[in-house]
C-alpha atoms as a PDB file:
ATOM      1  CA  MET A   1      28.486 -89.205  72.525  1.00  0.00           C
ATOM      2  CA  ALA A   2      28.107 -87.243  69.273  1.00  0.00           C
ATOM      3  CA  ARG A   3      31.321 -86.519  67.405  1.00  0.00           C
ATOM      4  CA  THR A   4      32.208 -82.832  67.042  1.00  0.00           C
ATOM      5  CA  PRO A   5      32.025 -81.797  63.355  1.00  0.00           C
ATOM      6  CA  VAL A   6      35.444 -81.252  61.804  1.00  0.00           C
ATOM      7  CA  ASP A   7      34.689 -77.649  60.819  1.00  0.00           C
ATOM      8  CA  VAL A   8      33.870 -76.855  64.446  1.00  0.00           C
ATOM      9  CA  ARG A   9      37.130 -78.456  65.583  1.00  0.00           C
ATOM     10  CA  ARG A  10      39.050 -76.435  63.020  1.00  0.00           C
ATOM     11  CA  ARG A  11      37.504 -73.167  64.209  1.00  0.00           C
ATOM     12  CA  GLU A  12      38.270 -74.021  67.843  1.00  0.00           C
ATOM     13  CA  LEU A  13      41.861 -74.968  67.030  1.00  0.00           C
ATOM     14  CA  ILE A  14      42.379 -71.791  64.974  1.00  0.00           C
ATOM     15  CA  ALA A  15      41.065 -69.699  67.875  1.00  0.00           C
ATOM     16  CA  ALA A  16      43.305 -71.571  70.313  1.00  0.00           C
ATOM     17  CA  ALA A  17      46.356 -71.125  68.071  1.00  0.00           C
ATOM     18  CA  LEU A  18      45.622 -67.398  67.861  1.00  0.00           C
ATOM     19  CA  ARG A  19      45.557 -67.110  71.653  1.00  0.00           C
ATOM     20  CA  VAL A  20      48.769 -69.078  72.095  1.00  0.00           C
ATOM     21  CA  VAL A  21      50.702 -67.183  69.411  1.00  0.00           C
ATOM     22  CA  ALA A  22      49.533 -63.794  70.713  1.00  0.00           C
ATOM     23  CA  SER A  23      50.305 -64.523  74.358  1.00  0.00           C
ATOM     24  CA  ARG A  24      53.404 -66.719  74.141  1.00  0.00           C
ATOM     25  CA  GLY A  25      54.828 -66.362  70.638  1.00  0.00           C
ATOM     26  CA  LEU A  26      54.919 -68.749  67.722  1.00  0.00           C
ATOM     27  CA  HIS A  27      57.936 -70.611  69.115  1.00  0.00           C
ATOM     28  CA  GLU A  28      55.729 -71.709  72.040  1.00  0.00           C
ATOM     29  CA  ALA A  29      52.786 -72.634  69.818  1.00  0.00           C
ATOM     30  CA  SER A  30      53.517 -76.334  69.541  1.00  0.00           C
ATOM     31  CA  THR A  31      50.808 -78.752  68.545  1.00  0.00           C
ATOM     32  CA  ARG A  32      50.572 -79.902  72.162  1.00  0.00           C
ATOM     33  CA  ALA A  33      50.251 -76.335  73.446  1.00  0.00           C
ATOM     34  CA  ILE A  34      47.497 -75.584  70.938  1.00  0.00           C
ATOM     35  CA  VAL A  35      45.442 -78.682  71.730  1.00  0.00           C
ATOM     36  CA  ALA A  36      45.846 -78.001  75.449  1.00  0.00           C
ATOM     37  CA  GLU A  37      44.542 -74.459  74.922  1.00  0.00           C
ATOM     38  CA  ALA A  38      41.628 -75.872  72.918  1.00  0.00           C
ATOM     39  CA  ASP A  39      41.013 -78.632  75.485  1.00  0.00           C
ATOM     40  CA  MET A  40      41.332 -81.298  72.800  1.00  0.00           C
ATOM     41  CA  SER A  41      43.408 -84.401  72.233  1.00  0.00           C
ATOM     42  CA  LEU A  42      46.230 -84.772  69.711  1.00  0.00           C
ATOM     43  CA  ALA A  43      44.021 -87.205  67.828  1.00  0.00           C
ATOM     44  CA  SER A  44      41.409 -84.470  67.455  1.00  0.00           C
ATOM     45  CA  PHE A  45      44.056 -82.127  66.060  1.00  0.00           C
ATOM     46  CA  HIS A  46      45.217 -84.598  63.425  1.00  0.00           C
ATOM     47  CA  TYR A  47      41.598 -85.284  62.496  1.00  0.00           C
ATOM     48  CA  ALA A  48      41.215 -81.587  61.661  1.00  0.00           C
ATOM     49  CA  PHE A  49      44.671 -80.650  60.306  1.00  0.00           C
ATOM     50  CA  GLU A  50      47.553 -82.556  58.766  1.00  0.00           C
ATOM     51  CA  SER A  51      50.205 -80.383  60.430  1.00  0.00           C
ATOM     52  CA  ARG A  52      50.807 -77.291  62.526  1.00  0.00           C
ATOM     53  CA  ASP A  53      51.925 -75.452  59.390  1.00  0.00           C
ATOM     54  CA  GLU A  54      48.531 -76.099  57.803  1.00  0.00           C
ATOM     55  CA  LEU A  55      46.829 -74.728  60.921  1.00  0.00           C
ATOM     56  CA  ILE A  56      49.013 -71.597  60.889  1.00  0.00           C
ATOM     57  CA  ASP A  57      48.233 -71.030  57.209  1.00  0.00           C
ATOM     58  CA  ARG A  58      44.506 -71.305  57.955  1.00  0.00           C
ATOM     59  CA  LEU A  59      44.922 -68.918  60.892  1.00  0.00           C
ATOM     60  CA  ILE A  60      46.410 -66.263  58.595  1.00  0.00           C
ATOM     61  CA  ILE A  61      43.604 -66.732  56.053  1.00  0.00           C
ATOM     62  CA  ASP A  62      40.991 -66.416  58.812  1.00  0.00           C
ATOM     63  CA  VAL A  63      42.472 -63.205  60.256  1.00  0.00           C
ATOM     64  CA  LEU A  64      42.888 -61.623  56.816  1.00  0.00           C
ATOM     65  CA  ALA A  65      39.264 -62.370  55.926  1.00  0.00           C
ATOM     66  CA  LYS A  66      38.086 -60.593  59.086  1.00  0.00           C
ATOM     67  CA  GLU A  67      40.371 -57.622  58.359  1.00  0.00           C
ATOM     68  CA  GLU A  68      39.067 -57.333  54.799  1.00  0.00           C
ATOM     69  CA  LYS A  69      35.488 -57.218  56.051  1.00  0.00           C
ATOM     70  CA  ALA A  70      36.392 -54.582  58.644  1.00  0.00           C
ATOM     71  CA  VAL A  71      37.907 -52.076  56.192  1.00  0.00           C
ATOM     72  CA  LEU A  72      34.971 -51.970  53.749  1.00  0.00           C
ATOM     73  CA  PRO A  73      32.651 -49.040  54.607  1.00  0.00           C
ATOM     74  CA  ASP A  74      28.944 -49.814  54.943  1.00  0.00           C
ATOM     75  CA  ALA A  75      27.897 -46.821  52.797  1.00  0.00           C
ATOM     76  CA  LEU A  76      29.741 -46.049  49.553  1.00  0.00           C
ATOM     77  CA  GLU A  77      27.492 -43.729  47.593  1.00  0.00           C
ATOM     78  CA  GLY A  78      27.678 -39.965  48.020  1.00  0.00           C
ATOM     79  CA  ARG A  79      30.946 -40.018  49.983  1.00  0.00           C
ATOM     80  CA  SER A  80      34.175 -38.256  49.104  1.00  0.00           C
ATOM     81  CA  LEU A  81      37.360 -40.256  48.615  1.00  0.00           C
ATOM     82  CA  THR A  82      38.785 -38.903  51.879  1.00  0.00           C
ATOM     83  CA  GLU A  83      35.613 -39.896  53.726  1.00  0.00           C
ATOM     84  CA  LEU A  84      35.674 -43.422  52.317  1.00  0.00           C
ATOM     85  CA  LEU A  85      39.349 -43.888  53.168  1.00  0.00           C
ATOM     86  CA  THR A  86      38.772 -42.470  56.646  1.00  0.00           C
ATOM     87  CA  ASP A  87      35.824 -44.815  57.202  1.00  0.00           C
ATOM     88  CA  GLY A  88      37.928 -47.763  56.098  1.00  0.00           C
ATOM     89  CA  LEU A  89      40.800 -46.926  58.439  1.00  0.00           C
ATOM     90  CA  MET A  90      38.416 -46.223  61.326  1.00  0.00           C
ATOM     91  CA  GLY A  91      36.754 -49.567  60.706  1.00  0.00           C
ATOM     92  CA  TYR A  92      40.146 -51.218  60.854  1.00  0.00           C
ATOM     93  CA  LEU A  93      40.993 -49.434  64.125  1.00  0.00           C
ATOM     94  CA  ASP A  94      37.689 -50.575  65.637  1.00  0.00           C
ATOM     95  CA  HIS A  95      38.522 -54.128  64.531  1.00  0.00           C
ATOM     96  CA  LEU A  96      41.982 -53.805  66.107  1.00  0.00           C
ATOM     97  CA  ARG A  97      40.609 -52.413  69.372  1.00  0.00           C
ATOM     98  CA  ALA A  98      37.978 -55.146  69.621  1.00  0.00           C
ATOM     99  CA  GLU A  99      40.469 -58.027  69.342  1.00  0.00           C
ATOM    100  CA  PRO A 100      44.076 -56.857  69.539  1.00  0.00           C
ATOM    101  CA  THR A 101      45.310 -60.433  69.967  1.00  0.00           C
ATOM    102  CA  ARG A 102      44.640 -61.018  66.251  1.00  0.00           C
ATOM    103  CA  GLU A 103      47.101 -58.355  65.165  1.00  0.00           C
ATOM    104  CA  GLN A 104      49.621 -59.276  67.851  1.00  0.00           C
ATOM    105  CA  ALA A 105      49.548 -62.803  66.468  1.00  0.00           C
ATOM    106  CA  MET A 106      49.916 -61.581  62.881  1.00  0.00           C
ATOM    107  CA  LEU A 107      52.955 -59.486  63.819  1.00  0.00           C
ATOM    108  CA  GLU A 108      54.459 -62.501  65.555  1.00  0.00           C
ATOM    109  CA  LEU A 109      53.762 -64.697  62.530  1.00  0.00           C
ATOM    110  CA  THR A 110      55.374 -62.178  60.171  1.00  0.00           C
ATOM    111  CA  GLN A 111      58.547 -61.931  62.242  1.00  0.00           C
ATOM    112  CA  HIS A 112      58.797 -65.702  62.577  1.00  0.00           C
ATOM    113  CA  ALA A 113      58.201 -66.212  58.857  1.00  0.00           C
ATOM    114  CA  LEU A 114      60.946 -63.714  57.982  1.00  0.00           C
ATOM    115  CA  ARG A 115      63.359 -65.912  59.918  1.00  0.00           C
ATOM    116  CA  THR A 116      62.150 -69.360  58.897  1.00  0.00           C
ATOM    117  CA  ARG A 117      59.504 -69.267  56.124  1.00  0.00           C
ATOM    118  CA  ARG A 118      59.990 -66.076  54.113  1.00  0.00           C
ATOM    119  CA  PRO A 119      57.448 -67.144  51.432  1.00  0.00           C
ATOM    120  CA  LEU A 120      54.776 -67.223  54.168  1.00  0.00           C
ATOM    121  CA  ALA A 121      55.523 -63.577  55.054  1.00  0.00           C
ATOM    122  CA  GLN A 122      55.499 -62.665  51.371  1.00  0.00           C
ATOM    123  CA  ASP A 123      52.134 -64.373  50.882  1.00  0.00           C
ATOM    124  CA  GLN A 124      50.762 -62.552  53.927  1.00  0.00           C
ATOM    125  CA  TYR A 125      51.781 -59.153  52.549  1.00  0.00           C
ATOM    126  CA  ALA A 126      50.606 -60.058  49.062  1.00  0.00           C
ATOM    127  CA  GLN A 127      47.154 -60.481  50.607  1.00  0.00           C
ATOM    128  CA  TYR A 128      47.444 -57.140  52.436  1.00  0.00           C
ATOM    129  CA  LEU A 129      48.283 -55.501  49.105  1.00  0.00           C
ATOM    130  CA  ARG A 130      45.372 -57.235  47.362  1.00  0.00           C
ATOM    131  CA  ILE A 131      42.960 -55.945  49.999  1.00  0.00           C
ATOM    132  CA  ALA A 132      44.460 -52.451  49.687  1.00  0.00           C
ATOM    133  CA  ARG A 133      44.227 -52.445  45.873  1.00  0.00           C
ATOM    134  CA  GLU A 134      40.627 -53.624  45.883  1.00  0.00           C
ATOM    135  CA  SER A 135      39.627 -51.108  48.574  1.00  0.00           C
ATOM    136  CA  LEU A 136      41.364 -48.234  46.753  1.00  0.00           C
ATOM    137  CA  THR A 137      39.783 -49.171  43.431  1.00  0.00           C
ATOM    138  CA  LEU A 138      36.336 -49.336  45.003  1.00  0.00           C
ATOM    139  CA  ALA A 139      36.769 -46.043  46.874  1.00  0.00           C
ATOM    140  CA  ALA A 140      37.992 -44.217  43.766  1.00  0.00           C
ATOM    141  CA  ALA A 141      35.175 -45.556  41.585  1.00  0.00           C
ATOM    142  CA  HIS A 142      32.407 -44.637  44.021  1.00  0.00           C
ATOM    143  CA  SER A 143      33.806 -41.167  44.774  1.00  0.00           C
ATOM    144  CA  GLY A 144      34.388 -40.229  41.133  1.00  0.00           C
ATOM    145  CA  SER A 145      38.180 -40.141  41.462  1.00  0.00           C
ATOM    146  CA  ARG A 146      41.195 -41.575  39.710  1.00  0.00           C
ATOM    147  CA  TRP A 147      44.646 -42.258  41.098  1.00  0.00           C
ATOM    148  CA  THR A 148      47.431 -40.006  39.812  1.00  0.00           C
ATOM    149  CA  ALA A 149      50.099 -42.384  41.128  1.00  0.00           C
ATOM    150  CA  PRO A 150      50.306 -46.072  40.141  1.00  0.00           C
ATOM    151  CA  LEU A 151      47.715 -48.100  42.062  1.00  0.00           C
ATOM    152  CA  GLU A 152      50.429 -50.458  43.308  1.00  0.00           C
ATOM    153  CA  THR A 153      52.339 -47.520  44.805  1.00  0.00           C
ATOM    154  CA  VAL A 154      49.229 -46.185  46.547  1.00  0.00           C
ATOM    155  CA  ALA A 155      48.458 -49.679  47.867  1.00  0.00           C
ATOM    156  CA  GLN A 156      52.004 -50.009  49.220  1.00  0.00           C
ATOM    157  CA  LEU A 157      51.589 -46.669  50.990  1.00  0.00           C
ATOM    158  CA  LEU A 158      48.237 -47.683  52.487  1.00  0.00           C
ATOM    159  CA  VAL A 159      49.688 -50.952  53.805  1.00  0.00           C
ATOM    160  CA  ALA A 160      52.683 -49.124  55.290  1.00  0.00           C
ATOM    161  CA  LEU A 161      50.428 -46.567  56.990  1.00  0.00           C
ATOM    162  CA  THR A 162      48.173 -49.317  58.349  1.00  0.00           C
ATOM    163  CA  ASP A 163      51.206 -51.181  59.719  1.00  0.00           C
ATOM    164  CA  GLY A 164      52.258 -48.003  61.518  1.00  0.00           C
ATOM    165  CA  LEU A 165      48.781 -47.407  62.922  1.00  0.00           C
ATOM    166  CA  THR A 166      48.651 -50.998  64.148  1.00  0.00           C
ATOM    167  CA  LEU A 167      51.971 -50.998  65.973  1.00  0.00           C
ATOM    168  CA  ASN A 168      51.424 -47.517  67.402  1.00  0.00           C
ATOM    169  CA  TRP A 169      48.045 -48.467  68.865  1.00  0.00           C
ATOM    170  CA  LEU A 170      49.263 -51.806  70.227  1.00  0.00           C
ATOM    171  CA  VAL A 171      52.109 -50.036  72.041  1.00  0.00           C
ATOM    172  CA  ASN A 172      50.314 -46.912  73.285  1.00  0.00           C
ATOM    173  CA  ARG A 173      46.595 -47.897  73.318  1.00  0.00           C
ATOM    174  CA  ASP A 174      45.747 -44.225  72.647  1.00  0.00           C
ATOM    175  CA  ASP A 175      42.433 -44.317  70.771  1.00  0.00           C
ATOM    176  CA  GLU A 176      42.116 -40.605  70.027  1.00  0.00           C
ATOM    177  CA  ALA A 177      45.707 -40.209  68.836  1.00  0.00           C
ATOM    178  CA  SER A 178      45.262 -43.231  66.556  1.00  0.00           C
ATOM    179  CA  ARG A 179      42.038 -41.821  65.133  1.00  0.00           C
ATOM    180  CA  GLU A 180      43.726 -38.494  64.394  1.00  0.00           C
ATOM    181  CA  ALA A 181      46.579 -40.339  62.712  1.00  0.00           C
ATOM    182  CA  ALA A 182      44.074 -42.370  60.663  1.00  0.00           C
ATOM    183  CA  ARG A 183      42.367 -39.165  59.485  1.00  0.00           C
ATOM    184  CA  ALA A 184      45.721 -37.718  58.455  1.00  0.00           C
ATOM    185  CA  ALA A 185      46.642 -40.974  56.692  1.00  0.00           C
ATOM    186  CA  ALA A 186      43.367 -40.907  54.746  1.00  0.00           C
ATOM    187  CA  GLN A 187      44.010 -37.329  53.639  1.00  0.00           C
ATOM    188  CA  ALA A 188      47.558 -38.200  52.580  1.00  0.00           C
ATOM    189  CA  VAL A 189      46.399 -41.134  50.472  1.00  0.00           C
ATOM    190  CA  ALA A 190      43.485 -39.159  48.987  1.00  0.00           C
ATOM    191  CA  SER A 191      45.922 -36.451  47.857  1.00  0.00           C
ATOM    192  CA  LEU A 192      47.230 -38.959  45.298  1.00  0.00           C
ATOM    193  CA  ALA A 193      43.918 -38.848  43.396  1.00  0.00           C
ATOM    194  CA  GLN A 194      41.937 -36.292  41.412  1.00  0.00           C
ATOM    195  CA  PRO A 195      38.315 -36.006  40.262  1.00  0.00           C
ATOM    196  CA  VAL A 196      37.203 -37.431  36.924  1.00  0.00           C
ATOM    197  CA  PRO A 197      34.242 -36.268  34.798  1.00  0.00           C
ATOM    198  CA  ALA A 198      30.887 -37.219  36.298  1.00  0.00           C
ATOM    199  CA  GLY A 199      29.915 -39.501  33.406  1.00  0.00           C
ATOM    200  CA  THR A 200      33.178 -41.408  33.659  1.00  0.00           C
ATOM    201  CA  ALA A 201      32.775 -41.715  37.431  1.00  0.00           C
ATOM    202  CA  ARG A 202      29.285 -43.223  37.072  1.00  0.00           C
ATOM    203  CA  HIS A 203      30.542 -45.731  34.525  1.00  0.00           C
ATOM    204  CA  SER A 204      33.467 -46.710  36.778  1.00  0.00           C
ATOM    205  CA  ALA A 205      31.231 -47.116  39.797  1.00  0.00           C
ATOM    206  CA  GLU A 206      28.827 -49.353  37.878  1.00  0.00           C
ATOM    207  CA  ALA A 207      31.736 -51.483  36.662  1.00  0.00           C
ATOM    208  CA  ALA A 208      33.118 -51.825  40.199  1.00  0.00           C
ATOM    209  CA  ALA A 209      29.744 -52.728  41.763  1.00  0.00           C
END
C-alpha cells in the first residue's frame, strides 16, 4: 500500500483539528480526538507534526492565509476607497458564510490562548493587523487617497470592526444586516482618508503594485 505523502496528512490533520475545535472547543481537541476525526493513527500524527501545539500553530497560519485571500478585491483600478473597503469586507463576509467553522475555531483559539498562551493570541492579532495594514495601504494607493490618521490606528479600527462583524454574524446569521453593517464600516474607515493629487496617486499605485 502506498504511503500517504506527509503534506497530505498535514492538510487532513489541520482540517480535522479545525472541525474538533469549532464543534467541541480546544480543551477537547486532544491529539487522540484529532486523529480519530481524521481517521488516522497516532503514529501518522507524529509523522506529520511534533506536537499538538505545532498543529494548532499551523492551523492558525492556514486560516489566516485563507482570510487574507478573501479580503483582497479582484478589481482595484478605477474604484473609490469606500468601494474597495466595501468589497474587501463583503469578501470577508462571504468567506465567513461559506465556512463559519473556521472563525468559530479562531475565536475559540483566541480565548484559550488568552488563558494559557497569551503570546499565541498576540501573534494571531499581529497577523490580523498586518493584513489590515497591507489592505489599507493597497486600497489607498489604488484609489488615490491618503490616510489622515496613523495607519496603525486605522488598521486597529478595521480589525475591531471585523471582529464585531464576525461575532454578530455567527450569533444572528443575518446576512442582510451584516452586509449593511459592512457598508457602514467601510464608510467609517474611508472617512479617515482624503484624496491626493492625481500624479501622486499614480506614483503610489505603481509603487504598491
